[in-house]
Protein backbone atom coordinates (compact mmCIF):
# COMPACT_ATOMS: atom_id res chain seq x y z
CA MET A 1 0.00 0.00 0.00
CA ILE A 2 2.80 2.39 0.91
CA LYS A 3 4.62 1.71 -2.36
CA LYS A 4 1.58 2.46 -4.47
CA LYS A 5 0.94 5.77 -2.71
CA HIS A 6 4.57 6.76 -3.05
CA ILE A 7 4.60 6.01 -6.77
CA ALA A 8 1.29 7.83 -7.26
CA PHE A 9 2.79 10.90 -5.62
CA LEU A 10 5.80 10.76 -7.94
CA ALA A 11 3.51 10.43 -10.92
CA PHE A 12 1.70 13.57 -9.80
CA LEU A 13 5.02 15.42 -9.59
CA LEU A 14 5.96 14.29 -13.07
CA PHE A 15 2.62 15.39 -14.49
CA SER A 16 3.00 18.78 -12.81
CA PHE A 17 6.07 19.67 -14.91
CA GLY A 18 3.62 21.40 -17.20
CA ASN A 19 1.43 20.61 -20.14
CA HIS A 20 4.01 22.13 -22.45
CA LEU A 21 5.68 18.71 -22.63
CA PHE A 22 2.67 17.43 -24.52
CA ALA A 23 2.22 20.39 -26.87
CA GLN A 24 5.30 20.10 -29.12
CA GLU A 25 5.16 19.90 -32.93
CA ASN A 26 6.20 16.27 -33.31
CA PRO A 27 4.08 14.02 -31.03
CA ASP A 28 5.96 10.84 -31.92
CA ALA A 29 9.34 12.35 -31.13
CA ILE A 30 8.20 14.06 -27.96
CA ALA A 31 6.67 10.87 -26.53
CA LEU A 32 10.18 9.44 -26.23
CA VAL A 33 11.48 12.66 -24.69
CA ASP A 34 8.64 12.62 -22.15
CA ASP A 35 9.42 9.03 -21.20
CA GLN A 36 13.07 9.90 -20.76
CA LEU A 37 12.21 12.94 -18.65
CA GLU A 38 9.80 10.95 -16.52
CA ASN A 39 12.28 8.12 -16.00
CA ASN A 40 15.14 10.46 -15.16
CA PHE A 41 13.05 12.60 -12.83
CA TYR A 42 11.60 9.51 -11.14
CA GLU A 43 15.16 8.25 -10.65
CA ALA A 44 16.26 11.62 -9.24
CA VAL A 45 13.42 11.68 -6.70
CA LYS A 46 14.00 8.04 -5.79
CA GLN A 47 17.73 8.53 -5.22
CA ARG A 48 17.13 11.69 -3.20
CA GLY A 49 14.59 9.81 -1.08
CA ILE A 50 17.29 7.33 -0.04
CA GLU A 51 19.82 10.15 0.47
CA ASN A 52 21.91 9.13 -2.53
CA TYR A 53 22.40 12.71 -3.65
CA ASP A 54 25.23 12.08 -6.15
CA LYS A 55 23.06 9.73 -8.19
CA ALA A 56 20.11 12.11 -7.89
CA ILE A 57 22.28 14.88 -9.36
CA VAL A 58 23.27 12.70 -12.33
CA ALA A 59 19.61 11.92 -13.04
CA ILE A 60 18.37 15.51 -12.73
CA GLN A 61 21.22 16.78 -14.94
CA LYS A 62 19.91 14.49 -17.68
CA CYS A 63 16.55 16.25 -17.30
CA ILE A 64 18.26 19.64 -17.58
CA GLU A 65 20.02 18.54 -20.78
CA LYS A 66 16.58 17.96 -22.29
CA GLU A 67 15.01 21.09 -20.82
CA PRO A 68 17.69 23.61 -19.81
CA LYS A 69 15.09 26.32 -19.17
CA ASN A 70 12.98 24.28 -16.74
CA ALA A 71 13.30 26.13 -13.41
CA SER A 72 11.97 23.20 -11.36
CA PHE A 73 14.84 20.99 -12.56
CA GLN A 74 17.36 23.64 -11.49
CA TYR A 75 15.65 23.79 -8.10
CA GLU A 76 15.91 20.00 -7.66
CA LEU A 77 19.57 20.19 -8.61
CA GLY A 78 20.15 22.90 -6.02
CA LYS A 79 18.46 20.87 -3.27
CA ASN A 80 20.76 17.91 -3.89
CA TYR A 81 23.90 20.05 -3.96
CA LEU A 82 22.77 21.67 -0.72
CA SER A 83 22.29 18.27 0.93
CA LEU A 84 25.90 17.47 -0.04
CA LYS A 85 26.99 20.85 1.39
CA ASN A 86 28.30 21.77 -2.06
CA TYR A 87 27.29 25.36 -1.47
CA ILE A 88 28.79 26.97 -4.60
CA ASP A 89 26.96 24.66 -7.01
CA ALA A 90 23.79 24.85 -4.90
CA GLU A 91 23.89 28.66 -5.03
CA ASN A 92 24.37 28.63 -8.81
CA ALA A 93 21.48 26.18 -9.32
CA PHE A 94 19.04 28.17 -7.17
CA LYS A 95 20.09 31.42 -8.86
CA LYS A 96 19.42 29.82 -12.24
CA ALA A 97 15.97 28.66 -11.07
CA ILE A 98 15.15 32.21 -9.91
CA GLU A 99 16.45 33.67 -13.18
CA LEU A 100 14.08 31.36 -15.07
CA ASP A 101 11.10 31.91 -12.74
CA ASN A 102 11.33 34.51 -9.97
CA LYS A 103 7.73 34.08 -8.83
CA GLN A 104 8.30 30.80 -7.00
CA ARG A 105 8.90 31.29 -3.29
CA TRP A 106 10.69 27.94 -2.91
CA TYR A 107 13.48 28.93 -5.31
CA TRP A 108 14.22 32.00 -3.16
CA ASN A 109 13.96 29.81 -0.08
CA GLY A 110 16.60 27.46 -1.48
CA LEU A 111 19.02 30.34 -2.00
CA TYR A 112 18.32 31.60 1.53
CA ASP A 113 19.13 28.12 2.89
CA VAL A 114 22.53 28.27 1.19
CA TYR A 115 23.41 31.66 2.67
CA TYR A 116 22.00 30.78 6.09
CA GLN A 117 23.99 27.55 6.32
CA THR A 118 27.17 29.32 5.23
CA LYS A 119 26.40 32.19 7.65
CA ASP A 120 26.60 34.73 4.85
CA TYR A 121 24.11 37.05 6.53
CA GLN A 122 24.78 40.04 4.26
CA LYS A 123 23.79 38.05 1.17
CA SER A 124 20.79 36.67 3.05
CA ILE A 125 19.24 40.10 3.67
CA PRO A 126 18.03 40.92 0.11
CA ILE A 127 16.76 37.35 -0.27
CA VAL A 128 14.68 37.57 2.92
CA GLU A 129 13.41 41.01 1.88
CA LYS A 130 12.09 39.28 -1.24
CA LEU A 131 10.67 36.37 0.79
CA ILE A 132 8.66 38.81 2.91
CA GLU A 133 6.59 39.49 -0.22
CA PHE A 134 5.47 35.85 -0.03
CA ASP A 135 5.25 35.53 3.76
CA ALA A 136 5.14 38.45 6.22
CA ASN A 137 6.33 36.12 9.00
CA MET A 138 9.78 36.23 7.40
CA LYS A 139 10.19 39.66 9.01
CA GLU A 140 11.43 37.85 12.12
CA ASP A 141 14.26 36.34 10.06
CA LEU A 142 15.08 39.78 8.72
CA VAL A 143 15.30 41.19 12.27
CA SER A 144 17.69 38.37 13.21
CA LEU A 145 19.83 39.10 10.16
CA TYR A 146 19.97 42.81 11.00
CA MET A 147 21.06 41.89 14.54
CA ASN A 148 23.75 39.51 13.26
CA THR A 149 25.11 42.24 10.98
CA ASN A 150 24.94 44.95 13.69
CA GLN A 151 22.29 46.97 11.83
CA HIS A 152 20.43 47.80 15.04
CA THR A 153 18.68 50.90 13.69
CA LYS A 154 17.06 48.92 10.89
CA ALA A 155 16.19 46.11 13.29
CA LEU A 156 14.48 48.50 15.72
CA GLU A 157 12.52 50.21 12.93
CA LEU A 158 11.28 46.85 11.71
CA LEU A 159 10.44 45.72 15.24
CA LYS A 160 8.37 48.86 15.83
CA ASP A 161 6.51 48.25 12.58
CA MET A 162 5.83 44.63 13.59
CA GLU A 163 4.72 45.69 17.08
CA SER A 164 2.24 48.19 15.63
CA LYS A 165 0.46 45.32 13.85
CA SER A 166 0.64 42.47 16.37
CA LYS A 167 2.21 41.32 19.64
CA LEU A 168 5.93 40.55 19.38
CA THR A 169 7.12 37.01 20.02
CA SER A 170 9.47 36.39 22.95
CA ALA A 171 12.46 36.22 20.58
CA MET A 172 11.59 39.60 19.06
CA GLU A 173 11.00 41.10 22.51
CA PHE A 174 14.47 39.92 23.46
CA TYR A 175 16.02 41.67 20.44
CA LYS A 176 14.09 44.84 21.22
CA LEU A 177 15.34 44.84 24.81
CA LYS A 178 18.88 44.09 23.68
CA ILE A 179 18.83 47.11 21.36
CA GLN A 180 17.28 49.37 23.95
CA GLU A 181 19.83 48.32 26.56
CA SER A 182 22.73 49.17 24.24
CA ASN A 183 24.58 52.48 24.51
CA THR A 184 22.88 53.79 21.38
CA TYR A 185 19.38 53.27 22.79
CA SER A 186 19.82 54.05 26.48
CA LYS A 187 17.34 52.86 29.07
CA PRO A 188 17.65 52.77 32.86
CA GLN A 189 20.40 50.27 33.69
CA LYS A 190 20.57 47.88 36.65
CA GLU A 191 22.15 50.36 39.07
CA GLN A 192 19.67 53.10 38.16
CA LEU A 193 16.71 50.78 38.58
CA GLU A 194 17.98 49.49 41.93
CA GLU A 195 18.42 53.08 43.11
CA ALA A 196 14.94 53.99 41.87
CA ILE A 197 13.46 51.04 43.82
CA LYS A 198 15.20 52.19 47.00
CA LYS A 199 13.83 55.70 46.59
CA SER A 200 10.32 54.67 45.52
CA PRO A 201 9.64 51.09 46.70
CA LYS A 202 5.96 51.31 45.78
CA VAL A 203 6.52 52.05 42.07
CA GLU A 204 5.82 48.72 40.37
CA GLN A 205 7.30 49.60 36.94
CA ASN A 206 10.87 49.79 38.29
CA TYR A 207 10.62 46.21 39.56
CA ILE A 208 9.15 45.07 36.27
CA ASP A 209 11.90 46.75 34.25
CA LEU A 210 14.56 45.16 36.44
CA ILE A 211 12.96 41.70 36.18
CA VAL A 212 12.75 42.05 32.39
CA LEU A 213 16.38 43.28 32.26
CA TYR A 214 17.68 40.29 34.23
CA THR A 215 15.57 37.87 32.18
CA SER A 216 16.86 39.30 28.89
CA PHE A 217 20.37 38.35 30.03
CA ASN A 218 19.31 34.86 31.18
CA GLN A 219 19.70 35.74 34.86
CA GLU A 220 16.43 34.23 36.06
CA ASP A 221 17.68 33.73 39.63
CA LYS A 222 18.21 37.47 40.03
CA ALA A 223 14.86 38.15 38.37
CA PHE A 224 13.20 35.94 40.99
CA GLU A 225 14.94 37.81 43.80
CA VAL A 226 13.49 41.07 42.47
CA ALA A 227 10.05 39.40 42.24
CA LYS A 228 10.34 38.43 45.93
CA GLN A 229 11.16 42.02 46.82
CA LEU A 230 8.19 43.19 44.75
CA GLU A 231 5.90 40.72 46.52
CA LYS A 232 6.86 42.19 49.88
CA GLU A 233 6.27 45.79 48.78
CA ILE A 234 3.28 45.33 46.43
CA PRO A 235 1.58 41.98 47.22
CA ASN A 236 -1.28 42.63 44.78
CA SER A 237 1.00 42.93 41.75
CA ASP A 238 0.71 40.16 39.14
CA TRP A 239 4.50 40.14 38.95
CA ALA A 240 4.66 39.35 42.67
CA HIS A 241 3.07 36.00 41.90
CA VAL A 242 6.35 34.88 40.28
CA SER A 243 7.80 34.47 43.77
CA LEU A 244 4.48 33.65 45.45
CA VAL A 245 4.21 30.40 43.45
CA LYS A 246 7.33 29.04 45.11
CA PHE A 247 6.31 30.43 48.51
CA HIS A 248 2.97 28.56 48.35
CA LEU A 249 4.60 25.38 47.05
CA ASN A 250 7.08 25.40 49.95
CA ASN A 251 4.08 25.63 52.28
CA ASN A 252 2.41 22.71 50.46
CA ASP A 253 -0.43 25.06 49.50
CA GLY A 254 -1.32 23.75 46.04
CA GLU A 255 -4.51 25.79 45.67
CA ASN A 256 -2.84 29.17 46.12
CA ALA A 257 0.25 28.06 44.17
CA SER A 258 -2.04 27.20 41.27
CA LYS A 259 -3.77 30.59 41.46
CA SER A 260 -0.40 32.37 41.44
CA MET A 261 0.84 30.25 38.52
CA PHE A 262 -2.16 31.19 36.39
CA LYS A 263 -1.67 34.87 37.28
CA VAL A 264 1.83 34.57 35.81
CA LEU A 265 0.68 32.61 32.75
CA ASP A 266 -2.12 35.10 32.06
CA ASN A 267 0.27 38.07 32.02
CA ASP A 268 1.17 38.83 28.38
CA ARG A 269 4.12 40.96 29.45
CA MET A 270 5.76 38.13 31.37
CA ASP A 271 8.76 36.55 29.60
CA LEU A 272 8.31 32.92 28.49
CA LYS A 273 11.43 31.88 30.39
CA ILE A 274 9.82 33.00 33.66
CA LYS A 275 6.58 31.22 32.74
CA HIS A 276 8.46 28.01 31.97
CA ARG A 277 10.26 28.15 35.30
CA VAL A 278 7.06 28.72 37.27
CA PHE A 279 5.33 25.91 35.35
CA ASN A 280 8.23 23.49 35.95
CA GLU A 281 8.19 24.17 39.69
CA PHE A 282 4.46 23.50 39.82
CA LEU A 283 4.87 20.35 37.71
CA ILE A 284 7.35 18.87 40.21
CA PHE A 285 4.82 19.56 42.99
CA ALA A 286 1.92 18.09 40.95
CA VAL A 287 3.78 14.84 40.32
CA LYS A 288 4.00 14.34 44.08
CA ASN A 289 0.40 15.56 44.50
CA PRO A 290 -1.55 14.09 41.53
CA THR A 291 -4.70 16.01 42.47
CA TYR A 292 -3.06 19.05 40.84
CA LEU A 293 -2.28 17.35 37.51
CA LYS A 294 -5.58 18.83 36.29
CA ASP A 295 -3.90 22.25 36.62
CA ILE A 296 -1.01 21.03 34.46
CA ASP A 297 -3.55 20.13 31.77
CA LYS A 298 -5.06 23.62 31.99
CA ALA A 299 -1.63 25.29 31.91
CA ILE A 300 -0.20 23.55 28.83
CA PRO A 301 -2.34 25.51 26.28
CA TYR A 302 -0.75 28.74 27.56
CA PHE A 303 2.42 27.62 25.75
CA ASP A 304 0.75 26.78 22.42
CA ASN A 305 2.44 29.74 20.70
CA ASP A 306 5.90 28.75 21.93
CA ARG A 307 7.80 27.96 18.73
CA GLU A 308 10.83 26.51 20.47
CA ILE A 309 9.42 24.13 23.09
CA ASN A 310 6.57 21.64 22.79
CA VAL A 311 5.60 21.74 26.47
CA ALA A 312 3.28 18.72 26.40
CA LYS A 313 6.06 16.65 24.86
CA GLU A 314 8.55 17.78 27.52
CA VAL A 315 6.02 16.93 30.25
CA ALA A 316 5.62 13.48 28.66
CA LYS A 317 9.40 12.95 28.73
CA PHE A 318 9.41 14.03 32.39
CA PHE A 319 6.83 11.36 33.28
CA TRP A 320 8.59 8.75 31.13
CA LYS A 321 11.83 9.24 33.07
CA LYS A 322 9.82 8.56 36.22
CA ASN A 323 8.45 5.39 34.59
CA ASP A 324 4.90 6.76 34.74
CA LEU A 325 3.85 5.28 31.41
CA GLU A 326 0.18 6.26 31.63
CA ASN A 327 0.92 9.96 32.01
CA ALA A 328 3.78 9.75 29.50
CA THR A 329 1.31 8.31 26.96
CA LYS A 330 -1.28 10.98 27.72
CA TYR A 331 1.10 13.90 27.29
CA PHE A 332 2.88 12.52 24.22
CA GLU A 333 -0.57 12.34 22.60
CA LYS A 334 -1.18 15.98 23.56
CA GLY A 335 2.25 16.97 22.20
CA ILE A 336 1.64 15.23 18.87
CA LYS A 337 -1.78 16.86 18.61
CA LYS A 338 -0.14 20.26 19.13
CA ASN A 339 2.59 19.61 16.54
CA SER A 340 1.60 17.01 13.96
CA ASP A 341 5.07 17.20 12.34
CA ASP A 342 7.05 16.28 15.46
CA VAL A 343 8.52 12.95 14.35
CA GLU A 344 10.64 12.66 17.50
CA ALA A 345 7.53 12.89 19.70
CA MET A 346 5.86 10.17 17.61
CA GLU A 347 8.86 7.83 17.92
CA LEU A 348 9.09 8.39 21.69
CA TYR A 349 5.35 7.77 21.99
CA LEU A 350 5.75 4.44 20.15
CA GLU A 351 8.61 3.51 22.50
CA VAL A 352 6.30 4.11 25.48
CA LEU A 353 3.58 1.96 23.88
CA ILE A 354 6.12 -0.84 23.41
CA GLN A 355 7.03 -0.61 27.09
CA LYS A 356 3.30 -0.86 27.86
CA GLN A 357 3.19 -3.86 25.49
CA ASP A 358 0.24 -2.31 23.67
CA PHE A 359 1.31 -3.74 20.32
CA GLN A 360 -2.09 -3.30 18.68
CA LEU A 361 -1.80 0.45 19.19
CA VAL A 362 1.88 0.42 18.17
CA THR A 363 1.06 -1.03 14.74
CA LYS A 364 -2.01 1.19 14.29
CA LYS A 365 -0.15 4.42 15.11
CA ALA A 366 3.03 3.51 13.23
CA GLU A 367 1.03 2.87 10.05
CA GLU A 368 -0.93 6.10 10.55
CA TYR A 369 2.34 8.04 10.80
CA LEU A 370 3.65 6.32 7.66
CA GLU A 371 0.79 7.84 5.69
CA SER A 372 2.23 11.29 6.42
CA PHE A 373 5.93 10.37 6.65
CA PRO A 374 6.60 7.53 4.16
CA THR A 375 10.39 8.00 4.34
CA GLN A 376 10.76 7.82 8.14
CA VAL A 377 12.61 4.59 8.77
CA GLY A 378 11.55 4.34 12.42
CA PHE A 379 7.85 3.93 11.66
CA TYR A 380 8.49 0.86 9.46
CA PHE A 381 10.54 -0.65 12.28
CA TYR A 382 7.93 -0.03 14.99
CA ALA A 383 5.10 -1.38 12.82
CA GLY A 384 7.15 -4.51 12.00
CA LEU A 385 8.10 -5.08 15.62
CA GLY A 386 4.46 -4.71 16.66
CA TYR A 387 3.23 -7.22 14.10
CA ASN A 388 5.93 -9.71 15.13
CA GLN A 389 4.79 -9.41 18.75
CA LEU A 390 1.20 -10.00 17.60
CA LYS A 391 2.44 -13.10 15.68
CA GLU A 392 1.30 -11.55 12.37
CA TYR A 393 4.59 -12.43 10.77
CA LYS A 394 3.57 -11.93 7.13
CA LYS A 395 2.46 -8.35 7.80
CA ALA A 396 5.65 -7.74 9.78
CA LYS A 397 7.85 -9.04 6.95
CA ASN A 398 6.03 -7.00 4.29
CA ILE A 399 6.22 -3.68 6.12
CA LEU A 400 9.84 -4.20 7.21
CA GLU A 401 10.86 -4.99 3.63
CA ASN A 402 9.00 -1.89 2.44
CA GLY A 403 11.13 0.07 4.90
CA LEU A 404 14.30 -1.38 3.47
CA ASP A 405 13.15 -0.68 -0.10
CA PHE A 406 12.35 2.95 0.55
CA VAL A 407 14.68 4.29 3.18
CA VAL A 408 17.41 1.97 4.37
CA GLU A 409 18.55 0.23 1.21
CA PHE A 410 21.60 -1.65 2.43
CA ASN A 411 24.76 -0.83 0.51
CA PRO A 412 27.87 -0.61 2.73
CA SER A 413 30.01 0.74 -0.12
CA GLU A 414 28.03 3.99 -0.21
CA SER A 415 27.84 6.19 2.89
CA GLY A 416 24.71 8.00 3.89
CA ILE A 417 22.21 5.66 2.20
CA TYR A 418 21.01 3.79 5.26
CA ASN A 419 20.19 4.67 8.81
CA ASN A 420 22.55 2.86 11.21
CA ARG A 421 20.21 3.46 14.11
CA PHE A 422 17.61 1.08 12.74
CA ASN A 423 19.44 -1.29 10.35
CA VAL A 424 20.55 -3.85 12.93
CA ASN A 425 17.09 -3.95 14.51
CA PHE A 426 15.44 -4.15 11.09
CA TYR A 427 17.35 -7.30 10.25
CA LYS A 428 16.71 -8.82 13.68
CA GLN A 429 12.97 -8.31 13.23
CA LEU A 430 13.09 -9.61 9.65
CA ILE A 431 14.90 -12.74 10.84
CA ILE A 432 12.12 -13.31 13.41
CA SER A 433 9.46 -12.91 10.69
CA CYS A 434 11.21 -15.20 8.21
CA GLU A 435 11.92 -17.84 10.84
CA ASN A 436 8.23 -18.04 11.76
CA LEU A 437 7.21 -18.07 8.08
CA ASN A 438 9.74 -20.86 7.34
CA ASP A 439 11.32 -18.63 4.72
CA ASN A 440 14.81 -19.99 5.28
CA ALA A 441 16.30 -18.46 2.13
CA LYS A 442 15.38 -14.90 3.13
CA LYS A 443 16.29 -15.61 6.74
CA GLN A 444 19.82 -16.50 5.61
CA VAL A 445 20.08 -13.34 3.48
CA TYR A 446 19.12 -11.12 6.42
CA THR A 447 21.33 -13.09 8.82
CA ASN A 448 24.32 -12.46 6.55
CA LYS A 449 23.54 -8.76 6.30
CA LEU A 450 23.17 -8.55 10.07
CA LYS A 451 26.58 -10.19 10.52
CA GLN A 452 28.10 -7.63 8.11
CA LEU A 453 26.61 -4.77 10.08
CA GLN A 454 27.78 -6.15 13.41
CA LYS A 455 31.41 -6.57 12.31
């Protein structure tokens, strides 16, 4: 089933080259050209899929010989050169694709990838300026590039423009603070803020500015000390709840700790790093006092816009380390729901299910994930292992062999084609399948390959 879907997808790609292939003057002659193009492009995609980029390049170059002005072929060439870290040829290929068709975002994206990986930030800037025409979210990348090239004035202007239209992300807030704390854009420094607090201990903003300043420099401990001081002077301040959470937890007062945590999480001006720390402290308490796990469930959605950390997944890993498989399962499912592209979360989730010996669910989920990620070697392995455990050896053998065909084609003379992490286990599972199916010929083939790998 997987093979058929994969081939159908490739056929769609081939058809999408454009109807111009079928509109030439000599239909008989062009039929042969089309077949050659299709075969070569199919070969290029196949070889790229198994990370054999050199062979993919040879195949796509044959396509370019037939159609030198086809921008999509140049783009495919660039992707393969980039995977080989052959940055000069990748740059040339992407530039050629853009020259042939400058309205395709992905061609510009390819060129940006080259400059980003080579840390050529100056060259990246005009490319990202172009990409913003396709996606306004690329403005964040442009701010980062301005910061990396010390163009702080431009960065601040862009940040102000972004802030006028929507709330800045935590990363952009950090850049804004960094600029404002520089000599060029002066703002009250630590000593001035400390002095201001001494003179006017009831002015909340000075505490807030000092907390934000410490947080921007990753000095959360000092930020918490300021929050404690604020709590003493202005107990009703939302920012005071940063320290009150820990105070209530130390007193084993889960109800008030929970209220303080949600005060912190509800505050849009509070830095994510502070929110994470407060949440983590409450999580440790909730594990020992399971009644409060319901508050963990309510708190997780507050981090849905966090682009860097999948909080539900991290909570799942926390429970897994404590061998609490039920909660690990629950939170991995939440994490996958939040980010349906998180392959690592899916693989860890399958590992937990194996520990629970829920092999029916292992096979079901692994095959579901294969529908979206047909080149992820791990999902073939987990599905095969699950079927072996369920004594459905024929299904196990079929899906494991599909995995070898598509993603871990064994060829020790060529580096990078197979995934060492799963090869040994693949062959062990295949040997189990073949042994139970009395397929002694295949069993011997896989036994020999396993011995080669284990040398």
